[in-house]
Amino acid sequence: MFADRFRELRMFSEPKLKQADLGMSQRKVSRQETGSTEPTTDEIVKICRFFNVFADYILGLTDEFKRLK
């Protein structure tokens, strides 16, 4: 679920963000988006803060999309 949500957030953000814009290597982002590797806790926090979303959503614990306040 993480891989799908992460890819969706990155690809459909406006303006469209590039992998390098997240401060991670293109290879690392690509592997996380395909599900071949799992993010660390620090990376999850970084991604959630970057996209301003709750970890519950990006981890697939809820389908409710909410922005952080």
Protein backbone atom coordinates (compact mmCIF):
# COMPACT_ATOMS: atom_id res chain seq x y z
CA MET A 1 0.00 0.00 0.00
CA PHE A 2 2.83 2.42 0.84
CA ALA A 3 4.37 2.10 -2.63
CA ASP A 4 1.08 2.91 -4.38
CA ARG A 5 0.26 5.86 -2.15
CA PHE A 6 3.78 7.27 -2.34
CA ARG A 7 3.85 7.06 -6.13
CA GLU A 8 0.38 8.60 -6.34
CA LEU A 9 1.30 11.52 -4.10
CA ARG A 10 4.48 12.23 -6.04
CA MET A 11 3.02 11.88 -9.52
CA PHE A 12 -0.21 13.77 -8.99
CA SER A 13 1.09 16.66 -6.95
CA GLU A 14 1.02 20.09 -8.53
CA PRO A 15 3.39 21.00 -9.92
CA LYS A 16 4.50 17.45 -10.62
CA LEU A 17 7.40 16.64 -8.35
CA LYS A 18 10.49 14.80 -9.42
CA GLN A 19 12.08 12.06 -7.37
CA ALA A 20 15.12 14.20 -6.57
CA ASP A 21 12.85 16.94 -5.15
CA LEU A 22 12.26 14.72 -2.12
CA GLY A 23 15.89 14.82 -1.07
CA MET A 24 16.37 11.12 -1.72
CA SER A 25 18.23 9.46 -4.54
CA GLN A 26 16.23 8.59 -7.63
CA ARG A 27 17.12 4.95 -7.10
CA LYS A 28 15.82 4.94 -3.51
CA VAL A 29 12.55 6.63 -4.45
CA SER A 30 12.09 4.30 -7.41
CA ARG A 31 12.63 1.22 -5.24
CA GLN A 32 10.16 2.47 -2.65
CA GLU A 33 7.57 3.24 -5.33
CA THR A 34 7.85 -0.26 -6.79
CA GLY A 35 7.77 -1.89 -3.37
CA SER A 36 11.17 -3.53 -3.74
CA THR A 37 12.34 -1.80 -0.56
CA GLU A 38 10.56 -0.39 2.47
CA PRO A 39 11.18 3.12 3.79
CA THR A 40 12.73 3.74 7.16
CA THR A 41 10.73 5.47 9.86
CA ASP A 42 12.68 8.67 9.22
CA GLU A 43 11.87 8.48 5.50
CA ILE A 44 8.17 8.00 6.22
CA VAL A 45 8.19 11.07 8.44
CA LYS A 46 10.06 13.06 5.79
CA ILE A 47 7.62 12.00 3.04
CA CYS A 48 4.57 12.78 5.19
CA ARG A 49 5.92 16.20 6.06
CA PHE A 50 6.88 16.92 2.47
CA PHE A 51 3.40 16.07 1.16
CA ASN A 52 1.66 17.33 4.29
CA VAL A 53 -0.26 14.08 4.86
CA PHE A 54 -0.82 11.77 7.82
CA ALA A 55 1.24 8.58 8.09
CA ASP A 56 -1.95 6.54 8.51
CA TYR A 57 -2.92 7.38 4.95
CA ILE A 58 0.43 6.77 3.29
CA LEU A 59 0.84 3.47 5.19
CA GLY A 60 -2.60 2.28 4.14
CA LEU A 61 -4.10 2.24 7.63
CA THR A 62 -6.92 4.49 6.45
CA ASP A 63 -8.33 5.50 3.10
CA GLU A 64 -9.25 8.93 4.44
CA PHE A 65 -6.97 11.51 2.84
CA LYS A 66 -6.32 14.37 5.25
CA ARG A 67 -3.74 17.11 5.17
CA LEU A 68 -1.70 17.85 8.25
CA LYS A 69 -2.63 21.10 9.96
